PDB file of N, CA and C in Angstrom:
ATOM      1  N   MET A   1       0.810  -1.288  -0.112  1.00  0.00           N
ATOM      2  CA  MET A   1      -0.078  -0.101  -0.126  1.00  0.00           C
ATOM      3  C   MET A   1       0.961   1.305   0.210  1.00  0.00           C
ATOM      4  N   LYS A   2       1.872   1.227   0.764  1.00  0.00           N
ATOM      5  CA  LYS A   2       2.751   2.456   0.820  1.00  0.00           C
ATOM      6  C   LYS A   2       3.578   2.573  -0.507  1.00  0.00           C
ATOM      7  N   LEU A   3       3.673   1.410  -1.208  1.00  0.00           N
ATOM      8  CA  LEU A   3       4.343   1.595  -2.525  1.00  0.00           C
ATOM      9  C   LEU A   3       3.610   2.360  -3.641  1.00  0.00           C
ATOM     10  N   LEU A   4       2.255   2.006  -3.487  1.00  0.00           N
ATOM     11  CA  LEU A   4       1.328   2.805  -4.412  1.00  0.00           C
ATOM     12  C   LEU A   4       1.320   4.143  -3.912  1.00  0.00           C
ATOM     13  N   VAL A   5       1.392   4.543  -2.856  1.00  0.00           N
ATOM     14  CA  VAL A   5       1.485   5.966  -2.412  1.00  0.00           C
ATOM     15  C   VAL A   5       2.631   6.790  -3.028  1.00  0.00           C
ATOM     16  N   VAL A   6       3.679   6.123  -2.562  1.00  0.00           N
ATOM     17  CA  VAL A   6       4.978   6.558  -3.378  1.00  0.00           C
ATOM     18  C   VAL A   6       5.117   6.755  -4.794  1.00  0.00           C
ATOM     19  N   VAL A   7       4.595   5.545  -5.353  1.00  0.00           N
ATOM     20  CA  VAL A   7       4.401   5.721  -7.070  1.00  0.00           C
ATOM     21  C   VAL A   7       3.396   6.934  -7.683  1.00  0.00           C
ATOM     22  N   CYS A   8       2.383   6.855  -6.939  1.00  0.00           N
ATOM     23  CA  CYS A   8       1.435   7.894  -7.189  1.00  0.00           C
ATOM     24  C   CYS A   8       1.973   9.130  -6.847  1.00  0.00           C
ATOM     25  N   ALA A   9       2.700   9.433  -5.887  1.00  0.00           N
ATOM     26  CA  ALA A   9       3.342  10.782  -5.532  1.00  0.00           C
ATOM     27  C   ALA A   9       4.373  11.262  -6.579  1.00  0.00           C
ATOM     28  N   LEU A  10       5.305  10.207  -6.869  1.00  0.00           N
ATOM     29  CA  LEU A  10       6.337  10.436  -7.967  1.00  0.00           C
ATOM     30  C   LEU A  10       5.682  10.684  -9.272  1.00  0.00           C
ATOM     31  N   VAL A  11       4.720   9.881  -9.678  1.00  0.00           N
ATOM     32  CA  VAL A  11       3.946  10.415 -10.982  1.00  0.00           C
ATOM     33  C   VAL A  11       3.283  11.608 -11.055  1.00  0.00           C
ATOM     34  N   ALA A  12       2.622  12.121  -9.790  1.00  0.00           N
ATOM     35  CA  ALA A  12       2.151  13.434  -9.496  1.00  0.00           C
ATOM     36  C   ALA A  12       3.117  14.528  -9.936  1.00  0.00           C
ATOM     37  N   VAL A  13       4.394  14.378  -9.258  1.00  0.00           N
ATOM     38  CA  VAL A  13       5.214  15.306  -9.222  1.00  0.00           C
ATOM     39  C   VAL A  13       5.773  15.447 -10.572  1.00  0.00           C
ATOM     40  N   THR A  14       6.095  14.300 -11.231  1.00  0.00           N
ATOM     41  CA  THR A  14       6.506  14.385 -12.794  1.00  0.00           C
ATOM     42  C   THR A  14       5.635  15.172 -13.600  1.00  0.00           C
ATOM     43  N   LEU A  15       4.088  14.818 -13.498  1.00  0.00           N
ATOM     44  CA  LEU A  15       3.420  15.522 -14.422  1.00  0.00           C
ATOM     45  C   LEU A  15       3.207  16.908 -14.174  1.00  0.00           C
ATOM     46  N   VAL A  16       3.178  17.107 -12.643  1.00  0.00           N
ATOM     47  CA  VAL A  16       2.917  18.717 -12.199  1.00  0.00           C
ATOM     48  C   VAL A  16       4.282  19.408 -13.017  1.00  0.00           C
ATOM     49  N   GLY A  17       5.498  18.908 -12.860  1.00  0.00           N
ATOM     50  CA  GLY A  17       6.673  19.723 -13.221  1.00  0.00           C
ATOM     51  C   GLY A  17       6.534  20.021 -14.608  1.00  0.00           C
ATOM     52  N   ARG A  18       5.903  19.018 -15.384  1.00  0.00           N
ATOM     53  CA  ARG A  18       6.075  19.057 -17.035  1.00  0.00           C
ATOM     54  C   ARG A  18       4.588  19.660 -17.362  1.00  0.00           C
ATOM     55  N   SER A  19       3.562  19.757 -16.409  1.00  0.00           N
ATOM     56  CA  SER A  19       2.246  20.216 -16.879  1.00  0.00           C
ATOM     57  C   SER A  19       1.684  19.670 -18.018  1.00  0.00           C
ATOM     58  N   GLU A  20       1.916  18.063 -17.985  1.00  0.00           N
ATOM     59  CA  GLU A  20       1.058  17.429 -19.004  1.00  0.00           C
ATOM     60  C   GLU A  20      -0.290  17.136 -19.061  1.00  0.00           C
ATOM     61  N   GLY A  21      -1.125  17.565 -19.803  1.00  0.00           N
ATOM     62  CA  GLY A  21      -2.591  17.495 -19.509  1.00  0.00           C
ATOM     63  C   GLY A  21      -3.177  18.614 -19.055  1.00  0.00           C
ATOM     64  N   TYR A  22      -2.495  19.610 -18.803  1.00  0.00           N
ATOM     65  CA  TYR A  22      -2.903  20.775 -18.014  1.00  0.00           C
ATOM     66  C   TYR A  22      -2.305  22.100 -18.655  1.00  0.00           C
ATOM     67  N   ALA A  23      -2.911  22.893 -19.394  1.00  0.00           N
ATOM     68  CA  ALA A  23      -2.482  23.973 -19.979  1.00  0.00           C
ATOM     69  C   ALA A  23      -2.347  25.207 -18.994  1.00  0.00           C
ATOM     70  N   CYS A  24      -1.128  25.860 -18.744  1.00  0.00           N
ATOM     71  CA  CYS A  24      -1.234  26.833 -17.764  1.00  0.00           C
ATOM     72  C   CYS A  24      -1.042  28.106 -18.632  1.00  0.00           C
ATOM     73  N   ILE A  25      -1.620  29.234 -18.200  1.00  0.00           N
ATOM     74  CA  ILE A  25      -1.663  30.441 -19.042  1.00  0.00           C
ATOM     75  C   ILE A  25      -0.607  31.371 -18.157  1.00  0.00           C
ATOM     76  N   PRO A  26      -0.177  32.397 -18.771  1.00  0.00           N
ATOM     77  CA  PRO A  26       0.810  33.118 -17.940  1.00  0.00           C
ATOM     78  C   PRO A  26       0.325  33.675 -16.746  1.00  0.00           C
ATOM     79  N   CYS A  27       0.839  33.791 -15.624  1.00  0.00           N
ATOM     80  CA  CYS A  27       0.626  34.088 -14.410  1.00  0.00           C
ATOM     81  C   CYS A  27      -0.003  35.640 -14.456  1.00  0.00           C
ATOM     82  N   SER A  28       0.717  36.325 -15.332  1.00  0.00           N
ATOM     83  CA  SER A  28       0.102  37.956 -15.310  1.00  0.00           C
ATOM     84  C   SER A  28      -1.373  37.961 -15.845  1.00  0.00           C
ATOM     85  N   GLU A  29      -1.776  36.852 -16.316  1.00  0.00           N
ATOM     86  CA  GLU A  29      -3.166  37.011 -16.807  1.00  0.00           C
ATOM     87  C   GLU A  29      -4.224  36.123 -15.784  1.00  0.00           C
ATOM     88  N   VAL A  30      -3.662  35.829 -14.660  1.00  0.00           N
ATOM     89  CA  VAL A  30      -4.592  35.035 -13.732  1.00  0.00           C
ATOM     90  C   VAL A  30      -4.976  36.078 -12.485  1.00  0.00           C
ATOM     91  N   THR A  31      -6.167  36.084 -12.091  1.00  0.00           N
ATOM     92  CA  THR A  31      -6.718  36.420 -10.914  1.00  0.00           C
ATOM     93  C   THR A  31      -6.923  35.492  -9.871  1.00  0.00           C
ATOM     94  N   CYS A  32      -6.116  35.601  -8.751  1.00  0.00           N
ATOM     95  CA  CYS A  32      -6.275  34.906  -7.545  1.00  0.00           C
ATOM     96  C   CYS A  32      -7.259  35.125  -6.787  1.00  0.00           C
ATOM     97  N   ASP A  33      -7.943  34.149  -6.123  1.00  0.00           N
ATOM     98  CA  ASP A  33      -9.090  34.188  -5.347  1.00  0.00           C
ATOM     99  C   ASP A  33      -8.510  34.709  -3.975  1.00  0.00           C
ATOM    100  N   GLU A  34      -9.116  35.401  -3.134  1.00  0.00           N
ATOM    101  CA  GLU A  34      -8.812  35.789  -1.773  1.00  0.00           C
ATOM    102  C   GLU A  34      -9.045  34.421  -0.870  1.00  0.00           C
ATOM    103  N   LEU A  35      -8.250  34.147   0.058  1.00  0.00           N
ATOM    104  CA  LEU A  35      -8.219  32.929   0.930  1.00  0.00           C
ATOM    105  C   LEU A  35      -8.545  33.268   2.306  1.00  0.00           C
ATOM    106  N   PRO A  36      -9.187  32.353   2.973  1.00  0.00           N
ATOM    107  CA  PRO A  36      -9.428  32.672   4.382  1.00  0.00           C
ATOM    108  C   PRO A  36      -8.150  32.454   5.103  1.00  0.00           C
ATOM    109  N   THR A  37      -8.023  33.259   6.174  1.00  0.00           N
ATOM    110  CA  THR A  37      -6.776  33.295   6.897  1.00  0.00           C
ATOM    111  C   THR A  37      -6.418  32.249   7.890  1.00  0.00           C
ATOM    112  N   ASP A  38      -7.341  31.042   7.856  1.00  0.00           N
ATOM    113  CA  ASP A  38      -7.329  29.989   8.730  1.00  0.00           C
ATOM    114  C   ASP A  38      -6.895  28.663   8.145  1.00  0.00           C
ATOM    115  N   CYS A  39      -6.264  28.905   6.749  1.00  0.00           N
ATOM    116  CA  CYS A  39      -5.871  27.588   5.926  1.00  0.00           C
ATOM    117  C   CYS A  39      -4.478  27.490   5.693  1.00  0.00           C
ATOM    118  N   GLU A  40      -3.934  26.375   5.499  1.00  0.00           N
ATOM    119  CA  GLU A  40      -2.558  26.117   4.902  1.00  0.00           C
ATOM    120  C   GLU A  40      -2.555  26.351   3.580  1.00  0.00           C
ATOM    121  N   ARG A  41      -1.714  27.234   3.161  1.00  0.00           N
ATOM    122  CA  ARG A  41      -1.740  27.556   1.800  1.00  0.00           C
ATOM    123  C   ARG A  41      -0.829  26.736   0.937  1.00  0.00           C
ATOM    124  N   VAL A  42      -1.004  26.344  -0.233  1.00  0.00           N
ATOM    125  CA  VAL A  42      -0.251  25.859  -1.178  1.00  0.00           C
ATOM    126  C   VAL A  42      -0.172  26.343  -2.619  1.00  0.00           C
ATOM    127  N   SER A  43       0.668  26.176  -3.233  1.00  0.00           N
ATOM    128  CA  SER A  43       0.595  26.795  -4.940  1.00  0.00           C
ATOM    129  C   SER A  43      -0.295  25.950  -5.614  1.00  0.00           C
ATOM    130  N   ASP A  44      -0.814  26.680  -6.535  1.00  0.00           N
ATOM    131  CA  ASP A  44      -1.741  25.962  -7.511  1.00  0.00           C
ATOM    132  C   ASP A  44      -0.868  25.122  -8.492  1.00  0.00           C
ATOM    133  N   VAL A  45      -1.440  24.431  -9.408  1.00  0.00           N
ATOM    134  CA  VAL A  45      -0.491  23.702 -10.336  1.00  0.00           C
ATOM    135  C   VAL A  45       0.415  24.522 -11.504  1.00  0.00           C
ATOM    136  N   CYS A  46      -0.022  25.747 -11.618  1.00  0.00           N
ATOM    137  CA  CYS A  46       0.774  26.393 -12.453  1.00  0.00           C
ATOM    138  C   CYS A  46       1.715  27.200 -11.781  1.00  0.00           C
ATOM    139  N   GLY A  47       1.660  27.350 -10.515  1.00  0.00           N
ATOM    140  CA  GLY A  47       2.437  28.169  -9.597  1.00  0.00           C
ATOM    141  C   GLY A  47       2.053  29.954  -9.510  1.00  0.00           C
ATOM    142  N   CYS A  48       0.785  30.102 -10.033  1.00  0.00           N
ATOM    143  CA  CYS A  48       0.498  31.618 -10.154  1.00  0.00           C
ATOM    144  C   CYS A  48      -0.369  32.032  -8.913  1.00  0.00           C
ATOM    145  N   CYS A  49      -0.882  30.901  -8.246  1.00  0.00           N
ATOM    146  CA  CYS A  49      -2.024  31.546  -7.193  1.00  0.00           C
ATOM    147  C   CYS A  49      -1.499  30.671  -5.867  1.00  0.00           C
ATOM    148  N   GLN A  50      -2.073  31.050  -4.582  1.00  0.00           N
ATOM    149  CA  GLN A  50      -1.995  30.105  -3.420  1.00  0.00           C
ATOM    150  C   GLN A  50      -3.548  29.456  -3.505  1.00  0.00           C
ATOM    151  N   LEU A  51      -3.670  28.455  -2.712  1.00  0.00           N
ATOM    152  CA  LEU A  51      -4.903  27.803  -2.693  1.00  0.00           C
ATOM    153  C   LEU A  51      -4.849  27.207  -1.033  1.00  0.00           C
ATOM    154  N   CYS A  52      -5.895  26.942  -0.508  1.00  0.00           N
ATOM    155  CA  CYS A  52      -6.069  26.312   0.769  1.00  0.00           C
ATOM    156  C   CYS A  52      -5.908  24.787   0.467  1.00  0.00           C
ATOM    157  N   ALA A  53      -4.885  24.252   1.380  1.00  0.00           N
ATOM    158  CA  ALA A  53      -4.507  22.921   1.244  1.00  0.00           C
ATOM    159  C   ALA A  53      -5.940  22.182   1.431  1.00  0.00           C
ATOM    160  N   THR A  54      -5.662  20.753   0.941  1.00  0.00           N
ATOM    161  CA  THR A  54      -6.767  19.734   1.119  1.00  0.00           C
ATOM    162  C   THR A  54      -6.523  19.304   2.641  1.00  0.00           C
ATOM    163  N   LYS A  55      -7.711  19.114   3.466  1.00  0.00           N
ATOM    164  CA  LYS A  55      -7.691  18.642   4.730  1.00  0.00           C
ATOM    165  C   LYS A  55      -7.712  17.361   4.921  1.00  0.00           C
ATOM    166  N   GLU A  56      -7.220  16.586   6.007  1.00  0.00           N
ATOM    167  CA  GLU A  56      -7.193  15.128   6.148  1.00  0.00           C
ATOM    168  C   GLU A  56      -8.644  14.887   6.262  1.00  0.00           C
ATOM    169  N   GLY A  57      -8.993  13.694   5.433  1.00  0.00           N
ATOM    170  CA  GLY A  57     -10.134  13.182   5.366  1.00  0.00           C
ATOM    171  C   GLY A  57     -11.113  13.667   3.923  1.00  0.00           C
ATOM    172  N   GLU A  58     -10.523  14.564   3.431  1.00  0.00           N
ATOM    173  CA  GLU A  58     -11.194  15.488   2.169  1.00  0.00           C
ATOM    174  C   GLU A  58     -10.719  14.727   0.987  1.00  0.00           C
ATOM    175  N   SER A  59     -11.504  14.651  -0.004  1.00  0.00           N
ATOM    176  CA  SER A  59     -11.095  14.083  -1.430  1.00  0.00           C
ATOM    177  C   SER A  59     -10.056  14.865  -2.006  1.00  0.00           C
ATOM    178  N   CYS A  60      -8.781  14.030  -2.381  1.00  0.00           N
ATOM    179  CA  CYS A  60      -7.592  14.686  -3.222  1.00  0.00           C
ATOM    180  C   CYS A  60      -7.421  13.883  -4.498  1.00  0.00           C
ATOM    181  N   GLY A  61      -6.841  14.438  -5.376  1.00  0.00           N
ATOM    182  CA  GLY A  61      -6.351  14.013  -6.575  1.00  0.00           C
ATOM    183  C   GLY A  61      -5.660  15.046  -7.572  1.00  0.00           C
ATOM    184  N   MET A  62      -5.658  14.655  -8.683  1.00  0.00           N
ATOM    185  CA  MET A  62      -4.693  15.462  -9.676  1.00  0.00           C
ATOM    186  C   MET A  62      -5.316  16.887 -10.026  1.00  0.00           C
ATOM    187  N   TYR A  63      -6.661  16.946  -9.627  1.00  0.00           N
ATOM    188  CA  TYR A  63      -7.259  18.325  -9.850  1.00  0.00           C
ATOM    189  C   TYR A  63      -7.630  19.348  -8.709  1.00  0.00           C
ATOM    190  N   SER A  64      -7.047  18.627  -7.566  1.00  0.00           N
ATOM    191  CA  SER A  64      -7.465  19.436  -6.238  1.00  0.00           C
ATOM    192  C   SER A  64      -6.077  19.951  -5.571  1.00  0.00           C
ATOM    193  N   PRO A  65      -6.189  21.053  -4.654  1.00  0.00           N
ATOM    194  CA  PRO A  65      -5.078  21.344  -4.181  1.00  0.00           C
ATOM    195  C   PRO A  65      -4.086  19.941  -3.344  1.00  0.00           C
ATOM    196  N   SER A  66      -2.951  20.383  -3.032  1.00  0.00           N
ATOM    197  CA  SER A  66      -2.182  19.369  -2.400  1.00  0.00           C
ATOM    198  C   SER A  66      -2.667  19.225  -1.052  1.00  0.00           C
ATOM    199  N   CYS A  67      -2.567  18.011  -0.443  1.00  0.00           N
ATOM    200  CA  CYS A  67      -3.027  17.748   0.976  1.00  0.00           C
ATOM    201  C   CYS A  67      -1.953  18.778   1.871  1.00  0.00           C
ATOM    202  N   GLU A  68      -2.551  19.043   3.148  1.00  0.00           N
ATOM    203  CA  GLU A  68      -2.215  19.617   4.234  1.00  0.00           C
ATOM    204  C   GLU A  68      -0.948  18.812   4.619  1.00  0.00           C
ATOM    205  N   SER A  69      -0.170  19.583   5.116  1.00  0.00           N
ATOM    206  CA  SER A  69       1.305  19.171   5.930  1.00  0.00           C
ATOM    207  C   SER A  69       0.857  18.029   6.773  1.00  0.00           C
ATOM    208  N   GLY A  70       1.711  16.915   6.772  1.00  0.00           N
ATOM    209  CA  GLY A  70       1.312  15.599   7.680  1.00  0.00           C
ATOM    210  C   GLY A  70       0.440  14.986   6.989  1.00  0.00           C
ATOM    211  N   THR A  71      -0.142  14.900   5.840  1.00  0.00           N
ATOM    212  CA  THR A  71      -1.034  14.168   5.347  1.00  0.00           C
ATOM    213  C   THR A  71      -0.387  13.952   3.713  1.00  0.00           C
ATOM    214  N   THR A  72      -1.123  12.784   3.095  1.00  0.00           N
ATOM    215  CA  THR A  72      -0.865  12.382   1.945  1.00  0.00           C
ATOM    216  C   THR A  72      -1.994  11.959   1.298  1.00  0.00           C
ATOM    217  N   CYS A  73      -1.983  11.875  -0.131  1.00  0.00           N
ATOM    218  CA  CYS A  73      -3.319  11.566  -0.901  1.00  0.00           C
ATOM    219  C   CYS A  73      -3.081  10.073  -1.152  1.00  0.00           C
ATOM    220  N   LEU A  74      -4.074   9.373  -0.342  1.00  0.00           N
ATOM    221  CA  LEU A  74      -3.954   7.743  -0.698  1.00  0.00           C
ATOM    222  C   LEU A  74      -5.190   7.409  -1.580  1.00  0.00           C
ATOM    223  N   TYR A  75      -4.479   6.765  -2.978  1.00  0.00           N
ATOM    224  CA  TYR A  75      -5.632   6.376  -3.892  1.00  0.00           C
ATOM    225  C   TYR A  75      -6.182   4.907  -3.572  1.00  0.00           C
ATOM    226  N   PRO A  76      -7.372   4.703  -4.120  1.00  0.00           N
ATOM    227  CA  PRO A  76      -7.801   3.303  -3.951  1.00  0.00           C
ATOM    228  C   PRO A  76      -6.744   2.391  -4.809  1.00  0.00           C
ATOM    229  N   GLU A  77      -6.737   1.034  -4.256  1.00  0.00           N
ATOM    230  CA  GLU A  77      -5.656   0.109  -5.055  1.00  0.00           C
ATOM    231  C   GLU A  77      -5.920   0.174  -6.387  1.00  0.00           C
ATOM    232  N   LEU A  78      -4.701   0.246  -7.205  1.00  0.00           N
ATOM    233  CA  LEU A  78      -4.637   0.174  -8.702  1.00  0.00           C
ATOM    234  C   LEU A  78      -4.912  -1.123  -9.149  1.00  0.00           C
ATOM    235  N   PRO A  79      -6.161  -0.929  -9.882  1.00  0.00           N
ATOM    236  CA  PRO A  79      -6.497  -2.452 -10.532  1.00  0.00           C
ATOM    237  C   PRO A  79      -5.443  -2.976 -11.578  1.00  0.00           C
ATOM    238  N   ALA A  80      -5.457  -4.415 -11.457  1.00  0.00           N
ATOM    239  CA  ALA A  80      -4.349  -4.922 -12.520  1.00  0.00           C
ATOM    240  C   ALA A  80      -4.680  -4.549 -13.842  1.00  0.00           C
ATOM    241  N   GLY A  81      -3.750  -4.197 -14.602  1.00  0.00           N
ATOM    242  CA  GLY A  81      -3.681  -3.999 -15.862  1.00  0.00           C
ATOM    243  C   GLY A  81      -3.872  -2.369 -16.207  1.00  0.00           C
ATOM    244  N   GLU A  82      -4.323  -1.710 -14.972  1.00  0.00           N
ATOM    245  CA  GLU A  82      -4.720  -0.049 -15.244  1.00  0.00           C
ATOM    246  C   GLU A  82      -3.392   0.491 -15.153  1.00  0.00           C
ATOM    247  N   ASP A  83      -3.264   1.474 -16.201  1.00  0.00           N
ATOM    248  CA  ASP A  83      -2.341   2.530 -16.302  1.00  0.00           C
ATOM    249  C   ASP A  83      -2.307   3.580 -15.270  1.00  0.00           C
ATOM    250  N   ALA A  84      -1.159   3.755 -14.495  1.00  0.00           N
ATOM    251  CA  ALA A  84      -1.056   4.342 -13.283  1.00  0.00           C
ATOM    252  C   ALA A  84      -1.300   5.974 -13.580  1.00  0.00           C
ATOM    253  N   VAL A  85      -0.753   6.440 -14.719  1.00  0.00           N
ATOM    254  CA  VAL A  85      -1.075   7.806 -14.854  1.00  0.00           C
ATOM    255  C   VAL A  85      -2.396   8.144 -15.011  1.00  0.00           C
ATOM    256  N   GLN A  86      -3.237   7.331 -16.064  1.00  0.00           N
ATOM    257  CA  GLN A  86      -4.600   7.494 -16.363  1.00  0.00           C
ATOM    258  C   GLN A  86      -5.461   7.265 -15.244  1.00  0.00           C
ATOM    259  N   TYR A  87      -5.230   6.294 -14.293  1.00  0.00           N
ATOM    260  CA  TYR A  87      -5.755   5.966 -12.827  1.00  0.00           C
ATOM    261  C   TYR A  87      -5.679   7.281 -12.202  1.00  0.00           C
ATOM    262  N   MET A  88      -4.619   7.816 -11.883  1.00  0.00           N
ATOM    263  CA  MET A  88      -4.786   9.143 -11.045  1.00  0.00           C
ATOM    264  C   MET A  88      -5.607  10.327 -11.736  1.00  0.00           C
ATOM    265  N   TYR A  89      -5.689  10.461 -13.029  1.00  0.00           N
ATOM    266  CA  TYR A  89      -6.451  11.465 -13.598  1.00  0.00           C
ATOM    267  C   TYR A  89      -7.929  11.268 -13.439  1.00  0.00           C
ATOM    268  N   SER A  90      -8.369   9.799 -13.305  1.00  0.00           N
ATOM    269  CA  SER A  90      -9.723   9.333 -13.284  1.00  0.00           C
ATOM    270  C   SER A  90     -10.203   9.022 -11.983  1.00  0.00           C
ATOM    271  N   TYR A  91      -9.363   8.919 -11.099  1.00  0.00           N
ATOM    272  CA  TYR A  91     -10.010   8.449  -9.690  1.00  0.00           C
ATOM    273  C   TYR A  91      -9.671   9.474  -8.490  1.00  0.00           C
ATOM    274  N   TRP A  92     -10.404   9.765  -7.550  1.00  0.00           N
ATOM    275  CA  TRP A  92     -10.086  10.631  -6.491  1.00  0.00           C
ATOM    276  C   TRP A  92      -9.517   9.528  -5.048  1.00  0.00           C
ATOM    277  N   GLY A  93      -8.495  10.171  -4.381  1.00  0.00           N
ATOM    278  CA  GLY A  93      -8.070   9.671  -3.275  1.00  0.00           C
ATOM    279  C   GLY A  93      -8.584  10.139  -1.919  1.00  0.00           C
ATOM    280  N   THR A  94      -7.997  10.032  -0.928  1.00  0.00           N
ATOM    281  CA  THR A  94      -8.587  10.776   0.415  1.00  0.00           C
ATOM    282  C   THR A  94      -7.173  11.313   1.155  1.00  0.00           C
ATOM    283  N   CYS A  95      -7.155  12.381   1.580  1.00  0.00           N
ATOM    284  CA  CYS A  95      -5.856  12.905   2.326  1.00  0.00           C
ATOM    285  C   CYS A  95      -5.986  12.137   3.675  1.00  0.00           C
ATOM    286  N   ILE A  96      -4.863  11.417   4.091  1.00  0.00           N
ATOM    287  CA  ILE A  96      -4.779  10.597   5.367  1.00  0.00           C
ATOM    288  C   ILE A  96      -3.544  11.216   5.986  1.00  0.00           C
ATOM    289  N   SER A  97      -3.209  10.766   7.320  1.00  0.00           N
ATOM    290  CA  SER A  97      -2.127  11.077   8.037  1.00  0.00           C
ATOM    291  C   SER A  97      -1.015  10.512   7.594  1.00  0.00           C
ATOM    292  N   SER A  98       0.020  11.179   7.293  1.00  0.00           N
ATOM    293  CA  SER A  98       1.446  10.382   6.895  1.00  0.00           C
ATOM    294  C   SER A  98       2.077   9.693   7.906  1.00  0.00           C
ATOM    295  N   LYS A  99       1.434   9.745   9.054  1.00  0.00           N
ATOM    296  CA  LYS A  99       2.095   9.206  10.225  1.00  0.00           C
ATOM    297  C   LYS A  99       1.392   7.747  10.817  1.00  0.00           C
ATOM    298  N   LYS A 100       0.620   7.392  10.037  1.00  0.00           N
ATOM    299  CA  LYS A 100      -0.114   6.223  10.448  1.00  0.00           C
ATOM    300  C   LYS A 100       0.693   5.042   9.921  1.00  0.00           C
TER     301      LYS A 100
END
């Protein structure tokens, strides 16, 4: 199970770094939303705006902000024969404590 989390994290970092499947517009053309003061801030996928991190127990995935500190996004078990990258784009995980 931990191996699946590590593989998913590595794939996510690789995809975000290359922005495959997601077209970023220049940050100068982006208007960022104001955030509440009581949330942990993380960068959006393009690095233009800050977003509130996804909290423990909330759904997470390729199209949501990163999980808050001390948590990681855990996806359901990868079905046999399923492409890992496509799987991460198609399914949602849950932010869980990384200390468990």
